[in-house]
Amino acid sequence: MKNFMINLGALVLVTALSIGAIVWFSGGDRTTWPDFGQAQRATTPLAPAVVAKYERDFGWRIGDVIPIELYLHQEPGTLIDLHSLAIEGDFEIVENPTIVTRDFKDGSRNVAIKFKIQSMAAAKKLTLKVSMLYRVKESMEDHLIAIPAFEPFTSPTWDGRDVVKDGNPQYRHEGHLLWTIGYILVGVVGAVGAFFARRRFKVYVLEEAKREWETRRETARREFDEAWARFDAGDFSDESYKLVVRCIRKLFRIESKVMREIEVELGSAHPYREQTLKILNVTGKVLYQLRKLTRNEHNSIKSAFDEIVPLPAVPTPEPTAKAKVEGETDDKD
């Protein structure tokens, strides 16, 4: 009991530490904040510092999704309106912005805004202008935050030749039908093959189980005959009866020791339940009750086992010559 409580306490401790580590690493602020010392600021009073990060400003194609990151440092006595984010130009926001904040004891705050934009405009150069508002708490005046514009250059989707693609531009619409029919045929063949494979596998499993059962029957028959040969030799010791019990237990893989549990383990639908219980009950009189069996009780063991595993049939030799039909003679009329 003491070891169980120690193991239980160790398990609870490890679980608590694991949950704490998951919460710490998943819920903590892992944002890498930039240096706002040389960040761009507006000329308005108490304007927040702004740092904009873009992946690159060239090589974008039509429809590319571009990640944008804005970092702002809110001065004490001001409040950035996080719901005032607005854009204009050639782009649209394709996902809801992700906002992370970090407050400091002096009343200042760092704000990180991450969002993604996309443009379908066909132009060599695109423009994105972002605007936000902040409020000075003392005067209750709103001011515009100066955020650097993003002006990426697009990349041409061709190699500079006048003809984009040589060859026949005609499109064969019937190809879809042919491919679809092919996929359907492959699916039907696969389904039929899987059905027959499943049947063959099921038959194989049943035959394998049958072979295993026949092998166990042959082994049980041989071991029982060896044990019964000891009885025929006059050896009625406990060891001889143990051999009988051992072979019947191996045949049906009986693990229970108490008769009541053996009855439950065999179940009411077992085809040889009655014979098995009879053998175990009769041998139990010798092994556990220290009784001597009568001749009928002793012979009932073999009778019950012969019902479970019948003796192999002895083949009848065929006659070497046909018997003569009654009245038949060798003389020819």
C-alpha atoms as a PDB file:
ATOM      1  CA  MET A   1       0.000   0.000   0.000  1.00  0.00           C
ATOM      2  CA  LYS A   2       2.865   2.354   0.807  1.00  0.00           C
ATOM      3  CA  ASN A   3       4.522   1.781  -2.574  1.00  0.00           C
ATOM      4  CA  PHE A   4       1.187   2.319  -4.293  1.00  0.00           C
ATOM      5  CA  MET A   5       0.720   5.719  -2.603  1.00  0.00           C
ATOM      6  CA  ILE A   6       4.285   6.739  -3.510  1.00  0.00           C
ATOM      7  CA  ASN A   7       3.752   5.792  -7.143  1.00  0.00           C
ATOM      8  CA  LEU A   8       0.381   7.548  -7.191  1.00  0.00           C
ATOM      9  CA  GLY A   9       1.903  10.725  -5.751  1.00  0.00           C
ATOM     10  CA  ALA A  10       4.736  10.644  -8.290  1.00  0.00           C
ATOM     11  CA  LEU A  11       2.219  10.203 -11.104  1.00  0.00           C
ATOM     12  CA  VAL A  12       0.136  13.163  -9.883  1.00  0.00           C
ATOM     13  CA  LEU A  13       3.274  15.317  -9.568  1.00  0.00           C
ATOM     14  CA  VAL A  14       4.477  14.476 -13.080  1.00  0.00           C
ATOM     15  CA  THR A  15       1.005  15.142 -14.491  1.00  0.00           C
ATOM     16  CA  ALA A  16       0.795  18.517 -12.742  1.00  0.00           C
ATOM     17  CA  LEU A  17       4.258  19.524 -13.955  1.00  0.00           C
ATOM     18  CA  SER A  18       3.402  18.487 -17.511  1.00  0.00           C
ATOM     19  CA  ILE A  19       0.157  20.476 -17.505  1.00  0.00           C
ATOM     20  CA  GLY A  20       1.968  23.483 -16.026  1.00  0.00           C
ATOM     21  CA  ALA A  21       4.674  23.299 -18.694  1.00  0.00           C
ATOM     22  CA  ILE A  22       2.074  23.097 -21.466  1.00  0.00           C
ATOM     23  CA  VAL A  23       0.198  26.111 -20.069  1.00  0.00           C
ATOM     24  CA  TRP A  24       3.439  28.053 -19.604  1.00  0.00           C
ATOM     25  CA  PHE A  25       4.742  27.480 -23.125  1.00  0.00           C
ATOM     26  CA  SER A  26       1.376  27.783 -24.880  1.00  0.00           C
ATOM     27  CA  GLY A  27      -0.113  30.682 -22.932  1.00  0.00           C
ATOM     28  CA  GLY A  28       2.949  32.837 -22.382  1.00  0.00           C
ATOM     29  CA  ASP A  29       3.891  35.892 -24.412  1.00  0.00           C
ATOM     30  CA  ARG A  30       6.429  34.610 -26.934  1.00  0.00           C
ATOM     31  CA  THR A  31       6.288  37.657 -29.194  1.00  0.00           C
ATOM     32  CA  THR A  32       9.702  39.005 -30.191  1.00  0.00           C
ATOM     33  CA  TRP A  33       9.425  42.736 -29.632  1.00  0.00           C
ATOM     34  CA  PRO A  34      11.566  45.097 -31.723  1.00  0.00           C
ATOM     35  CA  ASP A  35      13.673  48.000 -30.434  1.00  0.00           C
ATOM     36  CA  PHE A  36      11.434  51.067 -30.361  1.00  0.00           C
ATOM     37  CA  GLY A  37      14.369  53.404 -29.669  1.00  0.00           C
ATOM     38  CA  GLN A  38      14.838  54.366 -33.325  1.00  0.00           C
ATOM     39  CA  ALA A  39      11.276  53.670 -34.457  1.00  0.00           C
ATOM     40  CA  GLN A  40       9.300  56.129 -36.547  1.00  0.00           C
ATOM     41  CA  ARG A  41       7.182  58.622 -34.612  1.00  0.00           C
ATOM     42  CA  ALA A  42       4.727  61.312 -35.663  1.00  0.00           C
ATOM     43  CA  THR A  43       5.136  64.955 -34.679  1.00  0.00           C
ATOM     44  CA  THR A  44       1.942  64.888 -32.648  1.00  0.00           C
ATOM     45  CA  PRO A  45       2.320  64.828 -28.853  1.00  0.00           C
ATOM     46  CA  LEU A  46       2.835  61.469 -27.177  1.00  0.00           C
ATOM     47  CA  ALA A  47       2.664  59.704 -30.543  1.00  0.00           C
ATOM     48  CA  PRO A  48       3.334  55.972 -30.323  1.00  0.00           C
ATOM     49  CA  ALA A  49       6.450  54.487 -31.894  1.00  0.00           C
ATOM     50  CA  VAL A  50       5.755  52.266 -34.889  1.00  0.00           C
ATOM     51  CA  VAL A  51       7.814  49.438 -36.400  1.00  0.00           C
ATOM     52  CA  ALA A  52       6.476  47.690 -39.520  1.00  0.00           C
ATOM     53  CA  LYS A  53       7.829  44.350 -40.678  1.00  0.00           C
ATOM     54  CA  TYR A  54       7.270  42.817 -44.105  1.00  0.00           C
ATOM     55  CA  GLU A  55       8.705  39.668 -45.615  1.00  0.00           C
ATOM     56  CA  ARG A  56       9.953  41.508 -48.727  1.00  0.00           C
ATOM     57  CA  ASP A  57       8.823  44.282 -51.055  1.00  0.00           C
ATOM     58  CA  PHE A  58       9.439  42.515 -54.384  1.00  0.00           C
ATOM     59  CA  GLY A  59       8.674  39.297 -56.263  1.00  0.00           C
ATOM     60  CA  TRP A  60       5.004  39.040 -55.318  1.00  0.00           C
ATOM     61  CA  ARG A  61       2.523  37.556 -57.773  1.00  0.00           C
ATOM     62  CA  ILE A  62      -1.165  38.160 -58.233  1.00  0.00           C
ATOM     63  CA  GLY A  63      -3.157  36.497 -55.464  1.00  0.00           C
ATOM     64  CA  ASP A  64      -0.222  35.906 -53.100  1.00  0.00           C
ATOM     65  CA  VAL A  65      -1.044  36.131 -49.400  1.00  0.00           C
ATOM     66  CA  ILE A  66       1.395  38.533 -47.716  1.00  0.00           C
ATOM     67  CA  PRO A  67       1.908  38.554 -43.915  1.00  0.00           C
ATOM     68  CA  ILE A  68       2.120  41.971 -42.251  1.00  0.00           C
ATOM     69  CA  GLU A  69       3.389  42.708 -38.731  1.00  0.00           C
ATOM     70  CA  LEU A  70       2.939  46.040 -36.953  1.00  0.00           C
ATOM     71  CA  TYR A  71       4.518  46.808 -33.580  1.00  0.00           C
ATOM     72  CA  LEU A  72       3.476  49.901 -31.615  1.00  0.00           C
ATOM     73  CA  HIS A  73       4.698  51.322 -28.320  1.00  0.00           C
ATOM     74  CA  GLN A  74       1.920  53.186 -26.495  1.00  0.00           C
ATOM     75  CA  GLU A  75       3.165  56.033 -24.286  1.00  0.00           C
ATOM     76  CA  PRO A  76       1.786  56.580 -20.770  1.00  0.00           C
ATOM     77  CA  GLY A  77      -1.281  58.801 -20.801  1.00  0.00           C
ATOM     78  CA  THR A  78      -2.419  57.597 -24.233  1.00  0.00           C
ATOM     79  CA  LEU A  79      -4.657  54.839 -25.508  1.00  0.00           C
ATOM     80  CA  ILE A  80      -4.395  53.138 -28.903  1.00  0.00           C
ATOM     81  CA  ASP A  81      -7.767  52.259 -30.430  1.00  0.00           C
ATOM     82  CA  LEU A  82      -7.262  48.618 -31.402  1.00  0.00           C
ATOM     83  CA  HIS A  83     -10.544  48.631 -33.345  1.00  0.00           C
ATOM     84  CA  SER A  84      -9.553  51.508 -35.615  1.00  0.00           C
ATOM     85  CA  LEU A  85      -7.313  49.487 -37.939  1.00  0.00           C
ATOM     86  CA  ALA A  86      -8.099  50.459 -41.536  1.00  0.00           C
ATOM     87  CA  ILE A  87      -6.344  49.946 -44.863  1.00  0.00           C
ATOM     88  CA  GLU A  88      -6.568  51.518 -48.301  1.00  0.00           C
ATOM     89  CA  GLY A  89      -4.896  50.818 -51.590  1.00  0.00           C
ATOM     90  CA  ASP A  90      -4.635  47.676 -53.695  1.00  0.00           C
ATOM     91  CA  PHE A  91      -4.926  45.100 -50.905  1.00  0.00           C
ATOM     92  CA  GLU A  92      -7.603  43.496 -48.753  1.00  0.00           C
ATOM     93  CA  ILE A  93      -7.299  41.813 -45.358  1.00  0.00           C
ATOM     94  CA  VAL A  94      -7.985  38.087 -45.775  1.00  0.00           C
ATOM     95  CA  GLU A  95      -7.841  37.014 -42.116  1.00  0.00           C
ATOM     96  CA  ASN A  96      -8.860  38.528 -38.813  1.00  0.00           C
ATOM     97  CA  PRO A  97      -5.923  40.370 -37.277  1.00  0.00           C
ATOM     98  CA  THR A  98      -4.133  38.827 -34.303  1.00  0.00           C
ATOM     99  CA  ILE A  99      -3.421  41.333 -31.509  1.00  0.00           C
ATOM    100  CA  VAL A 100      -0.962  40.775 -28.647  1.00  0.00           C
ATOM    101  CA  THR A 101      -0.406  43.354 -25.892  1.00  0.00           C
ATOM    102  CA  ARG A 102       2.126  43.690 -23.110  1.00  0.00           C
ATOM    103  CA  ASP A 103       1.619  46.219 -20.289  1.00  0.00           C
ATOM    104  CA  PHE A 104       4.356  47.850 -18.202  1.00  0.00           C
ATOM    105  CA  LYS A 105       4.347  49.360 -14.717  1.00  0.00           C
ATOM    106  CA  ASP A 106       4.922  52.928 -15.990  1.00  0.00           C
ATOM    107  CA  GLY A 107       1.603  52.821 -17.873  1.00  0.00           C
ATOM    108  CA  SER A 108       3.075  52.179 -21.308  1.00  0.00           C
ATOM    109  CA  ARG A 109       2.085  49.257 -23.490  1.00  0.00           C
ATOM    110  CA  ASN A 110       3.473  47.294 -26.420  1.00  0.00           C
ATOM    111  CA  VAL A 111       1.005  46.269 -29.109  1.00  0.00           C
ATOM    112  CA  ALA A 112       1.665  43.692 -31.838  1.00  0.00           C
ATOM    113  CA  ILE A 113      -0.808  43.426 -34.739  1.00  0.00           C
ATOM    114  CA  LYS A 114      -0.398  40.604 -37.250  1.00  0.00           C
ATOM    115  CA  PHE A 115      -2.610  40.130 -40.291  1.00  0.00           C
ATOM    116  CA  LYS A 116      -2.471  38.913 -43.895  1.00  0.00           C
ATOM    117  CA  ILE A 117      -3.319  40.806 -47.081  1.00  0.00           C
ATOM    118  CA  GLN A 118      -4.013  39.807 -50.678  1.00  0.00           C
ATOM    119  CA  SER A 119      -4.327  41.665 -53.962  1.00  0.00           C
ATOM    120  CA  MET A 120      -5.805  40.694 -57.331  1.00  0.00           C
ATOM    121  CA  ALA A 121      -4.638  43.851 -59.042  1.00  0.00           C
ATOM    122  CA  ALA A 122      -2.436  43.446 -62.138  1.00  0.00           C
ATOM    123  CA  ALA A 123       0.153  46.186 -61.728  1.00  0.00           C
ATOM    124  CA  LYS A 124       3.917  46.455 -61.503  1.00  0.00           C
ATOM    125  CA  LYS A 125       3.710  48.154 -58.128  1.00  0.00           C
ATOM    126  CA  LEU A 126       1.062  47.879 -55.424  1.00  0.00           C
ATOM    127  CA  THR A 127       0.318  50.138 -52.471  1.00  0.00           C
ATOM    128  CA  LEU A 128      -0.928  49.506 -48.949  1.00  0.00           C
ATOM    129  CA  LYS A 129      -1.668  52.297 -46.490  1.00  0.00           C
ATOM    130  CA  VAL A 130      -2.545  51.412 -42.902  1.00  0.00           C
ATOM    131  CA  SER A 131      -4.087  53.844 -40.431  1.00  0.00           C
ATOM    132  CA  MET A 132      -4.954  53.702 -36.738  1.00  0.00           C
ATOM    133  CA  LEU A 133      -5.986  56.192 -34.057  1.00  0.00           C
ATOM    134  CA  TYR A 134      -4.724  56.893 -30.584  1.00  0.00           C
ATOM    135  CA  ARG A 135      -6.194  59.194 -27.895  1.00  0.00           C
ATOM    136  CA  VAL A 136      -4.490  61.485 -25.416  1.00  0.00           C
ATOM    137  CA  LYS A 137      -6.330  60.900 -22.150  1.00  0.00           C
ATOM    138  CA  GLU A 138      -5.686  64.363 -20.706  1.00  0.00           C
ATOM    139  CA  SER A 139      -7.109  66.327 -23.651  1.00  0.00           C
ATOM    140  CA  MET A 140      -9.361  63.521 -24.990  1.00  0.00           C
ATOM    141  CA  GLU A 141      -8.129  64.319 -28.493  1.00  0.00           C
ATOM    142  CA  ASP A 142      -7.729  61.662 -31.177  1.00  0.00           C
ATOM    143  CA  HIS A 143      -4.713  61.627 -33.455  1.00  0.00           C
ATOM    144  CA  LEU A 144      -3.679  59.596 -36.475  1.00  0.00           C
ATOM    145  CA  ILE A 145      -0.780  57.162 -36.047  1.00  0.00           C
ATOM    146  CA  ALA A 146       1.930  57.500 -38.693  1.00  0.00           C
ATOM    147  CA  ILE A 147       2.392  53.995 -40.116  1.00  0.00           C
ATOM    148  CA  PRO A 148       4.859  53.471 -42.992  1.00  0.00           C
ATOM    149  CA  ALA A 149       3.237  52.586 -46.320  1.00  0.00           C
ATOM    150  CA  PHE A 150       3.932  49.184 -47.901  1.00  0.00           C
ATOM    151  CA  GLU A 151       4.694  49.394 -51.647  1.00  0.00           C
ATOM    152  CA  PRO A 152       5.698  45.994 -53.013  1.00  0.00           C
ATOM    153  CA  PHE A 153       6.701  45.302 -56.604  1.00  0.00           C
ATOM    154  CA  THR A 154       5.077  42.457 -58.500  1.00  0.00           C
ATOM    155  CA  SER A 155       6.836  39.772 -60.557  1.00  0.00           C
ATOM    156  CA  PRO A 156       5.798  39.029 -64.163  1.00  0.00           C
ATOM    157  CA  THR A 157       4.287  35.594 -64.676  1.00  0.00           C
ATOM    158  CA  TRP A 158       5.896  35.073 -68.094  1.00  0.00           C
ATOM    159  CA  ASP A 159       9.491  34.836 -69.341  1.00  0.00           C
ATOM    160  CA  GLY A 160       9.424  37.934 -71.562  1.00  0.00           C
ATOM    161  CA  ARG A 161       8.478  36.215 -74.836  1.00  0.00           C
ATOM    162  CA  ASP A 162       5.635  37.465 -76.988  1.00  0.00           C
ATOM    163  CA  VAL A 163       4.048  33.983 -77.118  1.00  0.00           C
ATOM    164  CA  VAL A 164       3.450  32.621 -73.655  1.00  0.00           C
ATOM    165  CA  LYS A 165       2.883  29.007 -74.736  1.00  0.00           C
ATOM    166  CA  ASP A 166       3.540  27.292 -78.035  1.00  0.00           C
ATOM    167  CA  GLY A 167       1.484  24.448 -79.423  1.00  0.00           C
ATOM    168  CA  ASN A 168      -2.173  23.699 -79.839  1.00  0.00           C
ATOM    169  CA  PRO A 169      -4.172  25.625 -77.215  1.00  0.00           C
ATOM    170  CA  GLN A 170      -7.338  23.597 -77.864  1.00  0.00           C
ATOM    171  CA  TYR A 171      -8.679  21.927 -74.743  1.00  0.00           C
ATOM    172  CA  ARG A 172     -10.264  18.464 -74.872  1.00  0.00           C
ATOM    173  CA  HIS A 173     -13.245  18.561 -72.570  1.00  0.00           C
ATOM    174  CA  GLU A 174     -14.023  14.853 -73.087  1.00  0.00           C
ATOM    175  CA  GLY A 175     -10.810  14.062 -71.254  1.00  0.00           C
ATOM    176  CA  HIS A 176     -12.595  14.656 -67.942  1.00  0.00           C
ATOM    177  CA  LEU A 177     -15.213  12.063 -68.869  1.00  0.00           C
ATOM    178  CA  LEU A 178     -12.595   9.493 -69.820  1.00  0.00           C
ATOM    179  CA  TRP A 179     -10.603  10.066 -66.640  1.00  0.00           C
ATOM    180  CA  THR A 180     -13.780   9.894 -64.546  1.00  0.00           C
ATOM    181  CA  ILE A 181     -14.801   6.598 -66.165  1.00  0.00           C
ATOM    182  CA  GLY A 182     -11.301   5.273 -65.584  1.00  0.00           C
ATOM    183  CA  TYR A 183     -11.409   6.253 -61.905  1.00  0.00           C
ATOM    184  CA  ILE A 184     -14.817   4.587 -61.517  1.00  0.00           C
ATOM    185  CA  LEU A 185     -13.580   1.372 -63.163  1.00  0.00           C
ATOM    186  CA  VAL A 186     -10.482   1.327 -60.974  1.00  0.00           C
ATOM    187  CA  GLY A 187     -12.684   1.852 -57.916  1.00  0.00           C
ATOM    188  CA  VAL A 188     -15.050  -0.969 -58.942  1.00  0.00           C
ATOM    189  CA  VAL A 189     -12.150  -3.343 -59.615  1.00  0.00           C
ATOM    190  CA  GLY A 190     -10.598  -2.386 -56.291  1.00  0.00           C
ATOM    191  CA  ALA A 191     -13.883  -2.935 -54.435  1.00  0.00           C
ATOM    192  CA  VAL A 192     -14.435  -6.346 -56.062  1.00  0.00           C
ATOM    193  CA  GLY A 193     -10.843  -7.324 -55.399  1.00  0.00           C
ATOM    194  CA  ALA A 194     -11.141  -6.230 -51.773  1.00  0.00           C
ATOM    195  CA  PHE A 195     -14.353  -8.255 -51.409  1.00  0.00           C
ATOM    196  CA  PHE A 196     -12.800 -11.463 -52.724  1.00  0.00           C
ATOM    197  CA  ALA A 197      -9.586 -10.824 -50.792  1.00  0.00           C
ATOM    198  CA  ARG A 198     -11.629 -10.419 -47.626  1.00  0.00           C
ATOM    199  CA  ARG A 199     -13.466 -13.683 -48.322  1.00  0.00           C
ATOM    200  CA  ARG A 200     -10.220 -15.527 -48.997  1.00  0.00           C
ATOM    201  CA  PHE A 201      -8.699 -14.096 -45.840  1.00  0.00           C
ATOM    202  CA  LYS A 202     -11.754 -15.102 -43.814  1.00  0.00           C
ATOM    203  CA  VAL A 203     -11.609 -18.637 -45.239  1.00  0.00           C
ATOM    204  CA  TYR A 204      -7.889 -18.741 -44.505  1.00  0.00           C
ATOM    205  CA  VAL A 205      -8.476 -17.675 -40.898  1.00  0.00           C
ATOM    206  CA  LEU A 206     -11.190 -20.296 -40.447  1.00  0.00           C
ATOM    207  CA  GLU A 207      -9.054 -23.014 -42.017  1.00  0.00           C
ATOM    208  CA  GLU A 208      -6.089 -22.006 -39.890  1.00  0.00           C
ATOM    209  CA  ALA A 209      -8.249 -22.161 -36.756  1.00  0.00           C
ATOM    210  CA  LYS A 210      -9.536 -25.545 -37.868  1.00  0.00           C
ATOM    211  CA  ARG A 211      -5.995 -26.817 -38.468  1.00  0.00           C
ATOM    212  CA  GLU A 212      -4.952 -25.539 -35.059  1.00  0.00           C
ATOM    213  CA  TRP A 213      -7.954 -27.256 -33.458  1.00  0.00           C
ATOM    214  CA  GLU A 214      -7.187 -30.526 -35.245  1.00  0.00           C
ATOM    215  CA  THR A 215      -3.566 -30.300 -34.131  1.00  0.00           C
ATOM    216  CA  ARG A 216      -4.633 -29.733 -30.534  1.00  0.00           C
ATOM    217  CA  ARG A 217      -7.067 -32.675 -30.773  1.00  0.00           C
ATOM    218  CA  GLU A 218      -4.325 -34.946 -32.055  1.00  0.00           C
ATOM    219  CA  THR A 219      -1.973 -33.819 -29.290  1.00  0.00           C
ATOM    220  CA  ALA A 220      -4.668 -34.304 -26.652  1.00  0.00           C
ATOM    221  CA  ARG A 221      -5.492 -37.774 -28.030  1.00  0.00           C
ATOM    222  CA  ARG A 222      -1.850 -38.840 -27.890  1.00  0.00           C
ATOM    223  CA  GLU A 223      -1.295 -37.503 -24.352  1.00  0.00           C
ATOM    224  CA  PHE A 224      -4.514 -39.070 -23.094  1.00  0.00           C
ATOM    225  CA  ASP A 225      -3.592 -42.443 -24.596  1.00  0.00           C
ATOM    226  CA  GLU A 226      -0.190 -42.227 -22.919  1.00  0.00           C
ATOM    227  CA  ALA A 227      -1.853 -41.471 -19.572  1.00  0.00           C
ATOM    228  CA  TRP A 228      -4.377 -44.282 -20.036  1.00  0.00           C
ATOM    229  CA  ALA A 229      -1.575 -46.685 -20.846  1.00  0.00           C
ATOM    230  CA  ARG A 230      -0.291 -46.083 -17.327  1.00  0.00           C
ATOM    231  CA  PHE A 231      -3.696 -47.119 -15.947  1.00  0.00           C
ATOM    232  CA  ASP A 232      -3.610 -50.277 -18.078  1.00  0.00           C
ATOM    233  CA  ALA A 233      -0.183 -50.981 -16.582  1.00  0.00           C
ATOM    234  CA  GLY A 234      -1.654 -50.751 -13.065  1.00  0.00           C
ATOM    235  CA  ASP A 235      -0.406 -47.247 -12.211  1.00  0.00           C
ATOM    236  CA  PHE A 236      -3.354 -45.476 -10.544  1.00  0.00           C
ATOM    237  CA  SER A 237      -1.244 -42.815  -8.850  1.00  0.00           C
ATOM    238  CA  ASP A 238      -2.155 -39.144  -8.589  1.00  0.00           C
ATOM    239  CA  GLU A 239       0.389 -38.347 -11.301  1.00  0.00           C
ATOM    240  CA  SER A 240      -1.532 -40.443 -13.836  1.00  0.00           C
ATOM    241  CA  TYR A 241      -4.757 -38.552 -13.122  1.00  0.00           C
ATOM    242  CA  LYS A 242      -2.853 -35.262 -13.311  1.00  0.00           C
ATOM    243  CA  LEU A 243      -1.782 -36.170 -16.845  1.00  0.00           C
ATOM    244  CA  VAL A 244      -5.450 -36.627 -17.789  1.00  0.00           C
ATOM    245  CA  VAL A 245      -6.384 -33.278 -16.266  1.00  0.00           C
ATOM    246  CA  ARG A 246      -3.418 -31.587 -17.945  1.00  0.00           C
ATOM    247  CA  CYS A 247      -4.326 -32.809 -21.434  1.00  0.00           C
ATOM    248  CA  ILE A 248      -7.999 -31.735 -21.119  1.00  0.00           C
ATOM    249  CA  ARG A 249      -6.972 -28.305 -19.836  1.00  0.00           C
ATOM    250  CA  LYS A 250      -4.505 -27.854 -22.706  1.00  0.00           C
ATOM    251  CA  LEU A 251      -7.135 -28.935 -25.223  1.00  0.00           C
ATOM    252  CA  PHE A 252      -9.643 -26.253 -24.206  1.00  0.00           C
ATOM    253  CA  ARG A 253      -7.096 -23.800 -22.735  1.00  0.00           C
ATOM    254  CA  ILE A 254      -8.714 -23.784 -19.311  1.00  0.00           C
ATOM    255  CA  GLU A 255      -6.953 -21.418 -16.893  1.00  0.00           C
ATOM    256  CA  SER A 256      -9.396 -21.382 -13.967  1.00  0.00           C
ATOM    257  CA  LYS A 257      -8.820 -23.634 -10.961  1.00  0.00           C
ATOM    258  CA  VAL A 258     -12.226 -23.685  -9.224  1.00  0.00           C
ATOM    259  CA  MET A 259     -14.984 -25.743 -10.836  1.00  0.00           C
ATOM    260  CA  ARG A 260     -17.446 -22.873 -10.573  1.00  0.00           C
ATOM    261  CA  GLU A 261     -15.077 -20.634 -12.525  1.00  0.00           C
ATOM    262  CA  ILE A 262     -14.430 -23.396 -15.056  1.00  0.00           C
ATOM    263  CA  GLU A 263     -18.148 -23.671 -15.729  1.00  0.00           C
ATOM    264  CA  VAL A 264     -18.332 -19.937 -16.372  1.00  0.00           C
ATOM    265  CA  GLU A 265     -15.189 -20.015 -18.523  1.00  0.00           C
ATOM    266  CA  LEU A 266     -16.556 -22.798 -20.730  1.00  0.00           C
ATOM    267  CA  GLY A 267     -19.973 -21.209 -21.065  1.00  0.00           C
ATOM    268  CA  SER A 268     -23.322 -22.862 -21.592  1.00  0.00           C
ATOM    269  CA  ALA A 269     -22.866 -23.074 -25.383  1.00  0.00           C
ATOM    270  CA  HIS A 270     -19.644 -25.091 -25.258  1.00  0.00           C
ATOM    271  CA  PRO A 271     -20.137 -28.273 -27.326  1.00  0.00           C
ATOM    272  CA  TYR A 272     -18.166 -30.450 -24.875  1.00  0.00           C
ATOM    273  CA  ARG A 273     -19.064 -28.729 -21.635  1.00  0.00           C
ATOM    274  CA  GLU A 274     -20.731 -31.767 -20.044  1.00  0.00           C
ATOM    275  CA  GLN A 275     -17.900 -34.180 -20.931  1.00  0.00           C
ATOM    276  CA  THR A 276     -15.193 -31.753 -19.762  1.00  0.00           C
ATOM    277  CA  LEU A 277     -16.863 -31.113 -16.405  1.00  0.00           C
ATOM    278  CA  LYS A 278     -17.405 -34.853 -15.923  1.00  0.00           C
ATOM    279  CA  ILE A 279     -13.691 -35.597 -16.461  1.00  0.00           C
ATOM    280  CA  LEU A 280     -12.595 -32.806 -14.110  1.00  0.00           C
ATOM    281  CA  ASN A 281     -15.135 -33.780 -11.441  1.00  0.00           C
ATOM    282  CA  VAL A 282     -14.168 -37.478 -11.461  1.00  0.00           C
ATOM    283  CA  THR A 283     -10.428 -36.804 -11.432  1.00  0.00           C
ATOM    284  CA  GLY A 284     -10.988 -34.200  -8.704  1.00  0.00           C
ATOM    285  CA  LYS A 285     -12.286 -36.930  -6.407  1.00  0.00           C
ATOM    286  CA  VAL A 286      -8.832 -38.534  -6.541  1.00  0.00           C
ATOM    287  CA  LEU A 287      -6.699 -35.411  -6.510  1.00  0.00           C
ATOM    288  CA  TYR A 288      -8.591 -33.249  -4.004  1.00  0.00           C
ATOM    289  CA  GLN A 289     -10.922 -35.565  -2.050  1.00  0.00           C
ATOM    290  CA  LEU A 290      -8.358 -38.414  -1.801  1.00  0.00           C
ATOM    291  CA  ARG A 291     -10.943 -41.026  -2.821  1.00  0.00           C
ATOM    292  CA  LYS A 292     -10.588 -44.164  -4.837  1.00  0.00           C
ATOM    293  CA  LEU A 293     -12.708 -44.479  -7.929  1.00  0.00           C
ATOM    294  CA  THR A 294     -14.959 -47.378  -8.760  1.00  0.00           C
ATOM    295  CA  ARG A 295     -14.489 -49.186 -12.036  1.00  0.00           C
ATOM    296  CA  ASN A 296     -17.474 -47.410 -13.575  1.00  0.00           C
ATOM    297  CA  GLU A 297     -16.211 -43.986 -12.474  1.00  0.00           C
ATOM    298  CA  HIS A 298     -12.767 -44.744 -13.807  1.00  0.00           C
ATOM    299  CA  ASN A 299     -14.092 -45.941 -17.170  1.00  0.00           C
ATOM    300  CA  SER A 300     -16.375 -42.900 -17.428  1.00  0.00           C
ATOM    301  CA  ILE A 301     -13.253 -40.748 -17.862  1.00  0.00           C
ATOM    302  CA  LYS A 302     -12.285 -42.563 -21.067  1.00  0.00           C
ATOM    303  CA  SER A 303     -15.868 -42.632 -22.329  1.00  0.00           C
ATOM    304  CA  ALA A 304     -16.208 -38.870 -21.894  1.00  0.00           C
ATOM    305  CA  PHE A 305     -12.861 -38.183 -23.551  1.00  0.00           C
ATOM    306  CA  ASP A 306     -13.704 -40.486 -26.478  1.00  0.00           C
ATOM    307  CA  GLU A 307     -16.795 -38.340 -27.070  1.00  0.00           C
ATOM    308  CA  ILE A 308     -14.599 -35.234 -27.207  1.00  0.00           C
ATOM    309  CA  VAL A 309     -11.814 -36.743 -29.327  1.00  0.00           C
ATOM    310  CA  PRO A 310     -13.021 -39.961 -30.943  1.00  0.00           C
ATOM    311  CA  LEU A 311     -10.544 -42.701 -31.655  1.00  0.00           C
ATOM    312  CA  PRO A 312      -9.259 -42.604 -35.231  1.00  0.00           C
ATOM    313  CA  ALA A 313     -11.137 -44.961 -37.485  1.00  0.00           C
ATOM    314  CA  VAL A 314      -9.189 -48.049 -38.503  1.00  0.00           C
ATOM    315  CA  PRO A 315      -9.377 -48.481 -42.297  1.00  0.00           C
ATOM    316  CA  THR A 316     -10.988 -51.765 -43.407  1.00  0.00           C
ATOM    317  CA  PRO A 317      -8.805 -53.648 -45.895  1.00  0.00           C
ATOM    318  CA  GLU A 318     -10.406 -54.269 -49.265  1.00  0.00           C
ATOM    319  CA  PRO A 319     -10.869 -57.929 -50.339  1.00  0.00           C
ATOM    320  CA  THR A 320      -8.202 -59.163 -52.707  1.00  0.00           C
ATOM    321  CA  ALA A 321     -10.592 -61.245 -54.779  1.00  0.00           C
ATOM    322  CA  LYS A 322     -14.267 -60.911 -55.503  1.00  0.00           C
ATOM    323  CA  ALA A 323     -16.498 -63.407 -53.818  1.00  0.00           C
ATOM    324  CA  LYS A 324     -18.189 -65.745 -56.168  1.00  0.00           C
ATOM    325  CA  VAL A 325     -21.855 -65.268 -56.696  1.00  0.00           C
ATOM    326  CA  GLU A 326     -23.917 -68.034 -55.186  1.00  0.00           C
ATOM    327  CA  GLY A 327     -24.654 -70.702 -57.814  1.00  0.00           C
ATOM    328  CA  GLU A 328     -21.876 -69.541 -60.171  1.00  0.00           C
ATOM    329  CA  THR A 329     -19.669 -72.331 -61.551  1.00  0.00           C
ATOM    330  CA  ASP A 330     -16.508 -72.375 -63.547  1.00  0.00           C
ATOM    331  CA  ASP A 331     -17.937 -74.809 -66.099  1.00  0.00           C
ATOM    332  CA  LYS A 332     -19.169 -73.344 -69.309  1.00  0.00           C
ATOM    333  CA  ASP A 333     -22.341 -74.623 -70.749  1.00  0.00           C
END
